[in-house]
Protein backbone atom coordinates (compact mmCIF):
# COMPACT_ATOMS: atom_id res chain seq x y z
CA MET A 1 2.88 26.27 39.85
CA ASN A 2 2.52 23.98 36.71
CA GLY A 3 2.64 25.02 33.10
CA ILE A 4 -1.08 24.63 32.33
CA LEU A 5 -2.44 26.45 35.37
CA ARG A 6 0.20 29.30 34.56
CA CYS A 7 -0.56 29.37 31.10
CA SER A 8 -4.31 29.63 31.89
CA ARG A 9 -3.65 32.57 33.72
CA TYR A 10 -2.51 34.43 30.82
CA ALA A 11 -5.16 33.27 28.89
CA PHE A 12 -7.91 34.35 30.85
CA GLY A 13 -7.46 37.86 30.38
CA PRO A 14 -8.37 37.89 26.47
CA ASN A 15 -10.75 34.99 26.75
CA ARG A 16 -12.71 36.76 29.33
CA LEU A 17 -13.11 39.57 26.55
CA HIS A 18 -14.10 37.05 23.83
CA TYR A 19 -10.62 37.71 21.91
CA CYS A 20 -9.28 34.75 21.94
CA GLY A 21 -9.92 31.10 22.85
CA PRO A 22 -13.51 29.09 23.24
CA GLU A 23 -16.53 30.76 24.78
CA ALA A 24 -15.74 28.91 28.13
CA ASN A 25 -14.72 31.66 30.38
CA THR A 26 -16.62 30.74 33.19
CA GLU A 27 -15.45 27.16 32.98
CA LEU A 28 -11.64 28.50 32.39
CA LYS A 29 -12.14 30.65 35.66
CA ASP A 30 -13.40 27.76 37.82
CA TYR A 31 -10.83 25.32 36.65
CA ILE A 32 -7.99 28.07 37.83
CA ASN A 33 -9.76 28.93 40.88
CA ASN A 34 -9.91 25.29 41.75
CA SER A 35 -6.31 24.38 40.91
CA LYS A 36 -7.48 21.52 38.74
CA ASP A 37 -5.61 20.76 35.32
CA SER A 38 -8.70 18.33 34.42
CA GLY A 39 -10.07 19.88 31.46
CA LEU A 40 -7.89 23.13 31.39
CA SER A 41 -5.58 21.56 28.88
CA HIS A 42 -8.47 20.71 26.32
CA LEU A 43 -9.49 24.36 26.66
CA LEU A 44 -5.96 25.86 26.02
CA LYS A 45 -5.65 23.78 22.92
CA GLN A 46 -8.66 25.92 21.36
CA PHE A 47 -6.51 28.89 21.35
CA GLN A 48 -5.89 29.34 17.67
CA THR A 49 -2.46 31.28 18.27
CA LEU A 50 -1.38 30.30 21.68
CA TYR A 51 -1.29 26.48 21.64
CA PRO A 52 0.56 26.48 18.07
CA TYR A 53 3.33 29.01 19.39
CA LEU A 54 3.71 26.69 22.75
CA GLN A 55 3.87 23.51 20.12
CA SER A 56 6.69 25.44 18.05
CA ILE A 57 8.81 26.43 21.19
CA ALA A 58 8.56 22.60 22.58
CA HIS A 59 9.53 21.03 19.45
CA ALA A 60 12.41 23.32 18.70
CA ASN A 61 13.88 22.28 22.35
CA GLY A 62 13.17 18.71 22.14
CA ILE A 63 10.40 18.96 24.88
CA ASP A 64 7.13 16.70 24.31
CA ASP A 65 4.95 18.50 27.07
CA TYR A 66 3.77 21.54 25.29
CA PHE A 67 2.60 22.92 28.73
CA ASN A 68 5.89 22.48 30.25
CA ASP A 69 6.87 25.22 32.57
CA LYS A 70 9.47 26.43 30.71
CA VAL A 71 8.03 26.51 27.57
CA VAL A 72 5.06 28.31 28.87
CA GLU A 73 7.52 30.64 30.38
CA ALA A 74 9.28 31.17 27.14
CA TYR A 75 6.11 32.35 25.45
CA TRP A 76 4.68 34.62 27.74
CA LEU A 77 7.65 36.26 29.73
CA GLY A 78 10.70 34.78 27.44
CA ASN A 79 13.51 32.72 28.50
CA ASN A 80 16.35 30.99 26.94
CA LEU A 81 14.35 28.22 24.87
CA LEU A 82 13.28 31.22 22.38
CA GLU A 83 17.02 31.51 21.32
CA ASN A 84 17.05 27.69 20.37
CA ILE A 85 14.81 28.34 17.51
CA GLY A 86 16.34 28.63 13.86
CA LYS A 87 15.23 31.18 11.45
CA PRO A 88 13.81 28.42 9.34
CA LYS A 89 11.79 26.82 11.53
CA PHE A 90 10.23 30.30 12.93
CA HIS A 91 9.46 31.27 9.44
CA SER A 92 7.90 28.18 8.11
CA PHE A 93 5.71 27.99 11.65
CA LEU A 94 4.45 31.43 10.56
CA VAL A 95 3.66 30.31 7.12
CA ASP A 96 2.47 26.41 7.68
CA GLU A 97 1.11 26.61 11.10
CA LEU A 98 -0.67 30.11 11.61
CA GLN A 99 -1.16 30.59 7.90
CA ILE A 100 0.33 34.24 8.40
CA LYS A 101 1.28 34.67 4.64
CA LYS A 102 -2.14 34.43 3.62
CA ARG A 103 -3.55 36.68 6.02
CA LEU A 104 -1.20 39.72 5.31
CA PRO A 105 -0.27 41.77 2.60
CA PHE A 106 2.49 40.68 0.37
CA LYS A 107 4.48 43.68 1.59
CA GLU A 108 3.90 43.27 5.28
CA PHE A 109 4.85 39.61 4.96
CA ARG A 110 7.87 40.50 3.49
CA TRP A 111 8.38 42.60 6.10
CA LEU A 112 8.12 40.05 8.49
CA GLU A 113 10.39 38.04 6.70
CA GLU A 114 13.14 40.57 7.22
CA LYS A 115 12.56 40.79 10.75
CA ILE A 116 12.93 36.80 11.04
CA SER A 117 16.32 37.18 9.53
CA ARG A 118 17.41 39.66 11.79
CA GLY A 119 16.55 37.25 14.81
CA ALA A 120 13.28 37.63 15.56
CA VAL A 121 12.09 35.00 18.06
CA PRO A 122 8.30 33.58 18.84
CA HIS A 123 7.80 35.56 22.22
CA HIS A 124 4.11 36.86 22.63
CA SER A 125 5.13 40.47 22.22
CA PHE A 126 6.86 39.94 18.85
CA HIS A 127 3.26 38.67 17.51
CA VAL A 128 1.37 41.29 19.21
CA MET A 129 3.85 44.22 18.01
CA ASN A 130 4.72 42.81 14.52
CA ILE A 131 1.96 41.24 12.70
CA TRP A 132 -0.15 44.08 13.15
CA ARG A 133 -3.34 41.80 13.27
CA ARG A 134 -5.17 40.41 16.31
CA THR A 135 -5.38 36.81 15.03
CA GLY A 136 -7.70 35.12 17.63
CA ASN A 137 -11.37 35.37 17.45
CA MET A 138 -11.18 39.17 15.76
CA ASP A 139 -9.16 39.35 12.57
CA VAL A 140 -8.84 43.31 13.05
CA PRO A 141 -5.77 45.50 13.05
CA HIS A 142 -4.50 46.37 16.44
CA THR A 143 -4.52 49.60 17.98
CA LEU A 144 -1.94 51.25 20.15
CA GLU A 145 -4.28 50.60 23.15
CA SER A 146 -4.87 47.05 22.17
CA MET A 147 -1.04 46.30 21.61
CA ASP A 148 -0.45 47.85 25.21
CA GLU A 149 -3.32 45.60 26.75
CA CYS A 150 -2.29 42.58 24.72
CA ARG A 151 1.28 42.55 25.36
CA VAL A 152 2.34 40.95 28.43
CA SER A 153 3.58 43.98 30.79
CA ALA A 154 5.04 43.80 34.32
CA GLY A 155 4.05 46.37 37.29
CA VAL A 156 5.26 47.08 40.68
CA VAL A 157 2.55 46.91 43.34
CA LYS A 158 2.09 50.09 44.97
CA GLU A 159 -1.02 49.32 46.92
CA VAL A 160 -3.29 46.54 47.57
CA ALA A 161 -6.96 47.45 48.48
CA GLY A 162 -9.14 44.26 49.05
CA PRO A 163 -9.81 42.88 45.42
CA ASP A 164 -7.93 45.65 43.74
CA ILE A 165 -4.34 46.49 43.65
CA ILE A 166 -2.67 49.68 42.12
CA VAL A 167 0.58 49.07 40.09
CA GLU A 168 3.17 51.09 38.53
CA TYR A 169 4.17 50.23 35.08
CA GLU A 170 5.72 51.52 31.57
CA PRO A 171 2.90 52.02 29.05
CA LEU A 172 3.34 51.59 25.59
CA ILE A 173 3.27 55.02 23.38
CA LEU A 174 3.84 56.57 20.51
CA GLU A 175 6.58 59.06 20.21
CA SER A 176 7.45 61.01 17.17
CA GLY A 177 6.17 58.11 15.06
CA ARG A 178 7.80 55.58 17.09
CA LEU A 179 6.80 52.89 19.52
CA ALA A 180 8.37 53.46 22.96
CA LEU A 181 7.93 52.41 26.53
CA GLY A 182 6.64 55.55 28.28
CA ALA A 183 7.39 57.13 31.77
CA PRO A 184 5.81 55.09 34.25
CA LEU A 185 2.10 55.64 35.46
CA LYS A 186 -0.06 53.76 37.93
CA ARG A 187 -3.11 51.72 37.00
CA LYS A 188 -5.85 49.89 39.31
CA LEU A 189 -6.32 45.96 38.41
CA SER A 190 -8.82 43.83 39.85
CA ARG A 191 -7.84 40.49 41.29
CA ARG A 192 -10.28 38.38 39.25
CA LEU A 193 -8.58 34.80 40.05
CA GLU A 194 -9.26 34.40 43.78
CA SER A 195 -7.81 31.12 44.62
CA GLU A 196 -4.13 31.28 43.93
CA TYR A 197 -1.63 32.29 46.82
CA ASP A 198 0.58 34.70 45.21
CA ILE A 199 -2.30 36.72 43.86
CA GLU A 200 -4.36 36.62 47.24
CA GLN A 201 -1.18 37.54 49.13
CA MET A 202 0.30 39.96 46.80
CA ARG A 203 2.31 42.82 48.72
CA ALA A 204 3.33 46.33 47.68
CA GLY A 205 6.93 46.26 46.26
CA GLU A 206 6.34 42.88 44.35
CA THR A 207 6.35 42.95 40.61
CA VAL A 208 3.26 41.32 39.03
CA SER A 209 2.73 40.26 35.23
CA MET A 210 -0.64 41.36 33.53
CA HIS A 211 -2.26 40.98 30.37
CA TRP A 212 -5.74 42.73 29.43
CA GLY A 213 -5.95 44.16 32.70
CA ILE A 214 -5.55 40.74 34.73
CA PRO A 215 -2.67 40.32 37.01
CA CYS A 216 -1.51 36.87 36.33
CA GLU A 217 1.53 36.30 38.47
CA VAL A 218 3.95 37.55 40.74
CA ILE A 219 7.15 37.33 39.09
CA THR A 220 11.01 37.70 40.13
CA LYS A 221 13.37 40.82 39.18
CA ILE A 222 15.14 38.41 36.59
CA GLN A 223 11.79 37.41 34.91
CA ALA A 224 10.53 41.11 34.60
CA GLU A 225 13.84 41.97 33.07
CA THR A 226 13.87 39.45 30.57
CA LEU A 227 10.38 40.12 29.78
CA ARG A 228 11.34 44.00 29.46
CA LYS A 229 14.63 42.71 27.01
CA TYR A 230 12.27 40.81 24.67
CA THR A 231 9.66 43.70 24.79
CA MET A 232 12.07 46.18 23.72
CA ARG A 233 13.79 43.86 21.14
CA ASN A 234 10.14 43.47 19.53
CA ILE A 235 9.47 47.25 20.03
CA ALA A 236 12.57 47.81 17.89
CA PHE A 237 11.58 45.40 15.48
CA ALA A 238 8.03 46.81 15.09
CA ASN A 239 9.71 50.59 14.39
CA LEU A 240 11.58 49.14 11.27
CA THR A 241 8.12 48.94 9.58
CA ILE A 242 5.97 51.83 11.16
């Protein structure tokens, strides 16, 4: 799967709910289901938070293609490209590109700077859990429930029944005033992206990534472990200031 198509699968969930990106969900879905790159890059460039993050990761690693598959994987799941982004670059990206300093109270931005000094990297879960506000089409504070939906999580497929799958995943919970991953529980997801083989031929025992209730792709054990590693790191950062 190429990077543009892969990225569009993760972007589809929040775009379907009108949270991020242009009002073009039907068009986005048609491109995905027909596995066509044409037009996808134009739509994805309109995601106000996603696209700048991809640009930042690519620039820091000397990659010209912002939709390079490894760049896309770094942002949504995590990989070694994230570790090549220095603290000054990440700080200037949040200030200059995302204008986060203007959108947060002074105290909250200072907290963010402290986390960068401690080694935060531009993984999707860092933005979700540590910037507090949903910065796409809805400039409102996150709730526990919206953070759990907005972060990319991994679930093990337990049952496949037509368009629906049952997965077991670790939910984001609040325990004694701190964020944590809770005991595994089951949830039902609908396969809304019909054409890709890995989604259509999904089997019990495989691991799938999910975003806003949409199964995005079948991932490997290593990818799932990497996603969990960055998720846990960013939960720990969030707990410094809860």
